[in-house]
Amino acid sequence: MPSFSRRRFVHALSGAAALAAIPRSGQTADYPSRSIRLVLPYGAGGAGDQIGRPWVDKMSSLLGPTFVEYIGGAGGAIGAAAVAREDPDGYSLLLGNGSTQVIIPLTSANPGYSADDFRAIYRLISSALVFAVHPSVPAANLRELIAYAKANPGKLSYGTPGIGTGNHLVGESFKQQAGALDMVHVPYRGVSQATNDLVSGQISLVIAVMSVQLQQLSEAGKIRLLAVTTEKRLSGAPDIPTAVESGMPDLRYEGWFGIFAPKLTDDAIIDRIAQTTRLAMADPALQANYRAQGMEPDSNSSPDKFQRIIDATTASLAPVIRSIGLSKS
């Protein structure tokens, strides 16, 4: 047997052995016995597709037939509520993020579900927000941006994909931590229009998810990237400092997408999905797919680790939400 084929054969046997070792108990022993549905709570063609479909493809080969269903609307709330109401049998899962699992439950009076209606299974990817300014803004880093904003109150405007998004909350947190900066928030329906207006000089600053497009615009001199909100610099953009390095130790935020199940789902099913996902996320091709889109794949997640991340996100965003009057209470 050629050495390459032998390596692939051994790798496949190792994966099969790991799956066989995943505990099964009681009435969950035959899981899955039918197709698994992953609900994407947004329309087709967005980040949900880019993240959810590669996972579905891998799970179909490792666990069993898995398919995508789009249930969009209300910023993701309709799809999340639909999964929360499903039987907790492991056959209806949600691709959730910080908006569906943290921001909407904190800000909406009646979204149709609560954060406690779900169990976290596995974080698939994380992403950084980046502060991007128009070249006319005389700032090469966050310190200089703060100094300029203080010297020119009301002159700077910053764009985000909308009120109550993580981008908006990070912007408000930045203003507060920098000493109540007078900057105007300009909400958009999505980041694409905000980026176009930044390039044309209609707005001064955009707080957006780090992407290959933004890096290319920066390299072309059309925008300037000042800082990312992750704790460490990004492997794909090591020259961009973090907000922590820029003198703002509390300005940390990571976006994320992950897999969720209704809250009463059996532990054995949760563990089986999580451990199978861990195998899937170890695939170099899947990792490369996510990184090519500016995302960081998580090959070492678990239900407990993911829940701690969700709790930390809630703890950091809840005070900002209350301070700007978006809290439902």
Protein backbone atom coordinates (compact mmCIF):
# COMPACT_ATOMS: atom_id res chain seq x y z
CA MET A 1 0.00 0.00 0.00
CA PRO A 2 1.54 3.40 -0.94
CA SER A 3 2.56 5.48 2.06
CA PHE A 4 0.03 8.25 1.32
CA SER A 5 -2.86 5.80 1.15
CA ARG A 6 -1.64 4.10 4.31
CA ARG A 7 -1.66 7.42 6.19
CA ARG A 8 -5.18 8.15 5.02
CA PHE A 9 -6.27 4.63 6.01
CA VAL A 10 -4.76 4.93 9.49
CA HIS A 11 -6.31 8.39 9.91
CA ALA A 12 -9.73 7.02 8.97
CA LEU A 13 -9.35 4.12 11.40
CA SER A 14 -8.34 6.54 14.16
CA GLY A 15 -11.41 8.68 13.49
CA ALA A 16 -13.68 5.64 13.51
CA ALA A 17 -12.17 4.44 16.78
CA ALA A 18 -12.66 7.83 18.38
CA LEU A 19 -16.30 7.89 17.30
CA ALA A 20 -16.83 4.39 18.63
CA ALA A 21 -15.48 5.52 22.00
CA ILE A 22 -18.07 8.29 22.34
CA PRO A 23 -20.41 7.20 25.15
CA ARG A 24 -23.97 6.18 24.36
CA SER A 25 -26.62 5.35 26.91
CA GLY A 26 -30.27 4.37 27.26
CA GLN A 27 -32.65 5.46 24.57
CA THR A 28 -29.98 7.61 22.87
CA ALA A 29 -27.94 4.54 21.87
CA ASP A 30 -29.22 4.61 18.28
CA TYR A 31 -28.57 8.33 17.77
CA PRO A 32 -28.65 9.41 15.03
CA SER A 33 -31.22 7.20 13.35
CA ARG A 34 -32.44 9.89 10.94
CA SER A 35 -31.28 13.18 9.40
CA ILE A 36 -30.07 16.03 11.58
CA ARG A 37 -31.26 19.56 10.78
CA LEU A 38 -29.05 22.60 11.35
CA VAL A 39 -31.11 25.78 11.41
CA LEU A 40 -29.36 28.87 10.06
CA PRO A 41 -31.31 31.83 11.52
CA TYR A 42 -30.44 34.11 8.59
CA GLY A 43 -30.97 34.13 4.84
CA ALA A 44 -28.86 32.18 2.39
CA GLY A 45 -25.53 33.48 1.22
CA GLY A 46 -24.23 35.15 4.38
CA ALA A 47 -21.83 34.22 7.15
CA GLY A 48 -24.21 31.50 8.29
CA ASP A 49 -23.70 29.66 5.00
CA GLN A 50 -19.94 30.12 5.10
CA ILE A 51 -19.78 28.62 8.59
CA GLY A 52 -22.68 26.19 8.75
CA ARG A 53 -22.45 24.43 5.40
CA PRO A 54 -18.84 23.20 5.80
CA TRP A 55 -19.80 21.82 9.23
CA VAL A 56 -22.87 20.10 7.75
CA ASP A 57 -20.76 18.50 5.02
CA LYS A 58 -18.27 17.09 7.53
CA MET A 59 -20.93 15.86 9.94
CA SER A 60 -22.76 14.10 7.12
CA SER A 61 -19.67 11.99 6.52
CA LEU A 62 -18.74 11.47 10.19
CA LEU A 63 -22.04 11.21 12.05
CA GLY A 64 -24.96 10.84 9.66
CA PRO A 65 -27.07 12.74 7.13
CA THR A 66 -27.17 16.41 8.09
CA PHE A 67 -28.84 19.27 6.25
CA VAL A 68 -29.34 23.03 6.45
CA GLU A 69 -32.64 24.82 6.86
CA TYR A 70 -32.92 28.61 6.64
CA ILE A 71 -35.31 30.26 9.10
CA GLY A 72 -34.46 33.96 8.92
CA GLY A 73 -36.05 37.08 10.32
CA ALA A 74 -35.91 39.42 13.33
CA GLY A 75 -32.12 39.43 13.36
CA GLY A 76 -31.97 35.69 13.95
CA ALA A 77 -34.64 35.51 16.67
CA ILE A 78 -37.22 33.63 14.60
CA GLY A 79 -34.86 30.78 13.76
CA ALA A 80 -33.54 30.57 17.33
CA ALA A 81 -37.07 30.48 18.74
CA ALA A 82 -38.01 27.71 16.30
CA VAL A 83 -35.18 25.48 17.54
CA ALA A 84 -35.91 26.29 21.19
CA ARG A 85 -39.42 24.86 20.70
CA GLU A 86 -38.26 21.62 19.07
CA ASP A 87 -38.08 18.26 20.81
CA PRO A 88 -34.74 17.92 22.65
CA ASP A 89 -33.75 14.83 20.69
CA GLY A 90 -30.65 16.07 18.87
CA TYR A 91 -32.29 16.26 15.46
CA SER A 92 -32.83 20.05 15.41
CA LEU A 93 -29.77 22.18 16.11
CA LEU A 94 -29.05 25.90 15.85
CA LEU A 95 -26.09 27.74 14.41
CA GLY A 96 -26.08 30.52 16.98
CA ASN A 97 -23.87 33.52 17.62
CA GLY A 98 -23.46 36.39 20.04
CA SER A 99 -26.52 38.10 18.63
CA THR A 100 -28.95 35.18 18.93
CA GLN A 101 -27.60 33.84 22.23
CA VAL A 102 -26.63 37.03 24.11
CA ILE A 103 -27.72 40.34 22.60
CA ILE A 104 -31.29 39.49 21.55
CA PRO A 105 -32.18 37.85 24.90
CA LEU A 106 -30.78 40.91 26.71
CA THR A 107 -32.44 43.56 24.55
CA SER A 108 -35.70 42.13 23.22
CA ALA A 109 -38.77 42.06 25.47
CA ASN A 110 -40.32 39.10 23.66
CA PRO A 111 -37.97 37.27 21.28
CA GLY A 112 -39.81 33.97 21.72
CA TYR A 113 -37.01 32.31 23.67
CA SER A 114 -34.40 32.95 26.35
CA ALA A 115 -30.69 32.21 26.52
CA ASP A 116 -31.48 29.44 28.99
CA ASP A 117 -33.53 27.58 26.39
CA PHE A 118 -30.35 26.19 24.82
CA ARG A 119 -27.35 24.05 25.60
CA ALA A 120 -24.02 25.03 24.11
CA ILE A 121 -22.31 22.22 22.22
CA TYR A 122 -19.28 23.51 20.32
CA ARG A 123 -17.85 26.84 19.18
CA LEU A 124 -16.93 26.50 15.52
CA ILE A 125 -15.17 29.78 14.82
CA SER A 126 -14.20 33.05 16.41
CA SER A 127 -13.71 36.38 14.69
CA ALA A 128 -12.24 39.75 15.56
CA LEU A 129 -13.69 43.18 15.16
CA VAL A 130 -11.36 45.78 13.70
CA PHE A 131 -11.31 49.58 13.92
CA ALA A 132 -10.90 50.87 10.36
CA VAL A 133 -10.60 54.58 9.54
CA HIS A 134 -10.60 56.65 6.37
CA PRO A 135 -7.09 57.82 5.40
CA SER A 136 -8.14 61.42 6.07
CA VAL A 137 -8.40 60.68 9.79
CA PRO A 138 -5.00 61.62 11.27
CA ALA A 139 -4.61 58.52 13.44
CA ALA A 140 -2.29 55.55 13.08
CA ASN A 141 -3.45 53.83 16.28
CA LEU A 142 -6.22 53.97 18.87
CA ARG A 143 -4.36 56.40 21.12
CA GLU A 144 -4.13 58.92 18.29
CA LEU A 145 -7.76 58.30 17.37
CA ILE A 146 -8.84 59.07 20.94
CA ALA A 147 -6.74 62.23 21.03
CA TYR A 148 -8.19 63.42 17.74
CA ALA A 149 -11.75 62.65 18.83
CA LYS A 150 -11.27 64.58 22.06
CA ALA A 151 -9.87 67.56 20.18
CA ASN A 152 -12.70 67.45 17.63
CA PRO A 153 -15.93 66.55 19.49
CA GLY A 154 -18.77 65.46 17.22
CA LYS A 155 -16.61 65.45 14.11
CA LEU A 156 -16.04 61.69 13.88
CA SER A 157 -18.74 59.22 12.86
CA TYR A 158 -18.54 55.47 13.10
CA GLY A 159 -20.52 52.92 11.11
CA THR A 160 -21.76 49.49 12.20
CA PRO A 161 -24.18 46.88 10.82
CA GLY A 162 -26.93 48.21 13.07
CA ILE A 163 -28.12 49.27 16.51
CA GLY A 164 -27.59 46.60 19.13
CA THR A 165 -25.06 44.59 17.13
CA GLY A 166 -21.82 43.54 18.76
CA ASN A 167 -20.09 46.12 16.57
CA HIS A 168 -22.30 48.89 17.95
CA LEU A 169 -21.79 47.77 21.56
CA VAL A 170 -18.02 47.65 21.09
CA GLY A 171 -18.16 51.17 19.66
CA GLU A 172 -20.09 52.44 22.67
CA SER A 173 -17.74 50.62 25.03
CA PHE A 174 -14.79 52.25 23.25
CA LYS A 175 -16.35 55.69 23.71
CA GLN A 176 -16.99 55.07 27.40
CA GLN A 177 -13.57 53.61 28.15
CA ALA A 178 -11.86 56.47 26.32
CA GLY A 179 -13.61 59.05 28.49
CA ALA A 180 -17.07 59.65 26.99
CA LEU A 181 -15.95 60.47 23.46
CA ASP A 182 -18.35 62.51 21.35
CA MET A 183 -18.64 60.34 18.24
CA VAL A 184 -21.75 59.84 16.11
CA HIS A 185 -23.02 56.31 15.53
CA VAL A 186 -24.29 55.63 11.99
CA PRO A 187 -26.20 52.32 11.80
CA TYR A 188 -26.42 50.46 8.49
CA ARG A 189 -28.33 47.39 7.32
CA GLY A 190 -25.06 45.57 6.84
CA VAL A 191 -21.33 46.06 6.89
CA SER A 192 -20.94 46.25 3.09
CA GLN A 193 -22.65 49.63 2.75
CA ALA A 194 -20.81 50.93 5.80
CA THR A 195 -17.50 49.89 4.24
CA ASN A 196 -18.39 51.56 0.94
CA ASP A 197 -19.20 54.79 2.75
CA LEU A 198 -15.94 54.57 4.67
CA VAL A 199 -13.93 54.20 1.46
CA SER A 200 -15.75 57.17 -0.07
CA GLY A 201 -15.22 59.28 3.04
CA GLN A 202 -18.88 59.58 4.00
CA ILE A 203 -18.05 58.28 7.48
CA SER A 204 -14.80 58.40 9.45
CA LEU A 205 -14.64 54.98 11.03
CA VAL A 206 -16.11 51.50 10.72
CA ILE A 207 -16.13 48.80 13.37
CA ALA A 208 -16.41 45.61 11.36
CA VAL A 209 -15.61 41.93 11.46
CA MET A 210 -12.05 41.48 10.25
CA SER A 211 -12.05 40.12 6.71
CA VAL A 212 -9.86 39.55 3.69
CA GLN A 213 -11.68 42.41 1.95
CA LEU A 214 -10.73 44.90 4.67
CA GLN A 215 -7.11 43.76 4.51
CA GLN A 216 -7.08 44.26 0.76
CA LEU A 217 -8.58 47.74 1.08
CA SER A 218 -5.93 48.58 3.67
CA GLU A 219 -3.12 47.32 1.45
CA ALA A 220 -4.51 49.48 -1.37
CA GLY A 221 -4.37 52.55 0.89
CA LYS A 222 -8.15 53.08 0.82
CA ILE A 223 -8.60 52.54 4.57
CA ARG A 224 -6.34 52.21 7.60
CA LEU A 225 -6.71 49.36 10.13
CA LEU A 226 -5.91 50.54 13.65
CA ALA A 227 -6.60 47.70 16.07
CA VAL A 228 -8.42 44.39 16.56
CA THR A 229 -10.52 43.50 19.58
CA THR A 230 -9.10 40.04 20.27
CA GLU A 231 -6.81 39.44 23.23
CA LYS A 232 -3.98 38.37 20.94
CA ARG A 233 -2.97 39.49 17.47
CA LEU A 234 -4.51 37.57 14.58
CA SER A 235 -2.35 34.94 12.90
CA GLY A 236 -3.65 36.14 9.54
CA ALA A 237 -2.93 39.82 10.27
CA PRO A 238 -0.03 39.91 12.73
CA ASP A 239 0.89 43.54 11.99
CA ILE A 240 -2.35 44.92 13.40
CA PRO A 241 -2.09 45.58 17.16
CA THR A 242 -4.80 44.68 19.63
CA ALA A 243 -6.85 47.25 21.50
CA VAL A 244 -5.21 45.90 24.67
CA GLU A 245 -1.77 46.72 23.27
CA SER A 246 -3.10 50.15 22.33
CA GLY A 247 -3.77 51.07 25.95
CA MET A 248 -7.34 49.80 26.33
CA PRO A 249 -7.05 46.65 28.47
CA ASP A 250 -10.81 46.20 28.82
CA LEU A 251 -11.70 46.59 25.15
CA ARG A 252 -11.83 42.92 24.25
CA TYR A 253 -14.46 41.24 22.14
CA GLU A 254 -14.56 38.11 20.00
CA GLY A 255 -17.41 37.25 17.72
CA TRP A 256 -18.27 33.57 17.48
CA PHE A 257 -20.59 31.05 15.86
CA GLY A 258 -21.35 27.65 17.31
CA ILE A 259 -23.74 24.74 17.61
CA PHE A 260 -26.65 24.74 20.10
CA ALA A 261 -29.41 22.29 21.04
CA PRO A 262 -32.66 22.67 23.00
CA LYS A 263 -31.91 22.75 26.73
CA LEU A 264 -33.30 19.32 27.72
CA THR A 265 -31.21 17.42 25.16
CA ASP A 266 -29.60 14.32 26.70
CA ASP A 267 -25.97 14.57 27.82
CA ALA A 268 -25.00 11.58 25.68
CA ILE A 269 -26.32 13.28 22.53
CA ILE A 270 -24.61 16.57 23.39
CA ASP A 271 -21.32 14.74 23.94
CA ARG A 272 -21.64 12.76 20.72
CA ILE A 273 -22.22 15.88 18.63
CA ALA A 274 -19.42 17.75 20.40
CA GLN A 275 -16.84 14.99 20.03
CA THR A 276 -17.75 14.34 16.42
CA THR A 277 -17.45 18.06 15.75
CA ARG A 278 -14.01 18.04 17.36
CA LEU A 279 -12.98 15.38 14.84
CA ALA A 280 -14.41 17.45 12.01
CA MET A 281 -12.63 20.61 13.16
CA ALA A 282 -9.28 18.78 13.17
CA ASP A 283 -9.45 18.54 9.38
CA PRO A 284 -6.79 20.85 7.89
CA ALA A 285 -8.96 21.48 4.82
CA LEU A 286 -11.88 22.66 6.98
CA GLN A 287 -9.57 24.87 9.01
CA ALA A 288 -8.13 26.36 5.83
CA ASN A 289 -11.67 27.00 4.56
CA TYR A 290 -12.55 29.06 7.62
CA ARG A 291 -9.23 30.91 7.76
CA ALA A 292 -9.55 31.88 4.11
CA GLN A 293 -12.68 33.79 5.11
CA GLY A 294 -10.92 35.65 7.94
CA MET A 295 -12.25 33.36 10.69
CA GLU A 296 -10.34 31.42 13.32
CA PRO A 297 -11.50 27.78 13.62
CA ASP A 298 -11.74 26.33 17.13
CA SER A 299 -10.31 22.80 17.22
CA ASN A 300 -10.42 22.54 21.00
CA SER A 301 -13.93 23.47 22.06
CA SER A 302 -16.40 21.59 24.27
CA PRO A 303 -19.82 22.27 25.82
CA ASP A 304 -18.26 23.58 29.04
CA LYS A 305 -15.62 25.70 27.30
CA PHE A 306 -18.18 27.16 24.93
CA GLN A 307 -20.57 28.00 27.77
CA ARG A 308 -17.81 29.87 29.61
CA ILE A 309 -17.22 31.95 26.46
CA ILE A 310 -20.93 32.73 26.23
CA ASP A 311 -21.02 33.73 29.91
CA ALA A 312 -18.01 36.01 29.41
CA THR A 313 -19.65 37.64 26.39
CA THR A 314 -22.81 38.24 28.41
CA ALA A 315 -20.85 39.73 31.31
CA SER A 316 -19.00 42.15 29.04
CA LEU A 317 -21.97 43.30 26.95
CA ALA A 318 -24.73 43.52 29.57
CA PRO A 319 -23.36 46.69 31.28
CA VAL A 320 -22.96 48.46 27.93
CA ILE A 321 -26.48 47.48 26.87
CA ARG A 322 -27.88 48.93 30.11
CA SER A 323 -25.81 52.08 29.89
CA ILE A 324 -27.12 53.04 26.44
CA GLY A 325 -30.73 52.17 27.22
CA LEU A 326 -31.11 49.03 25.09
CA SER A 327 -31.88 46.71 28.00
CA LYS A 328 -35.38 45.21 27.98
CA SER A 329 -35.70 45.75 31.74
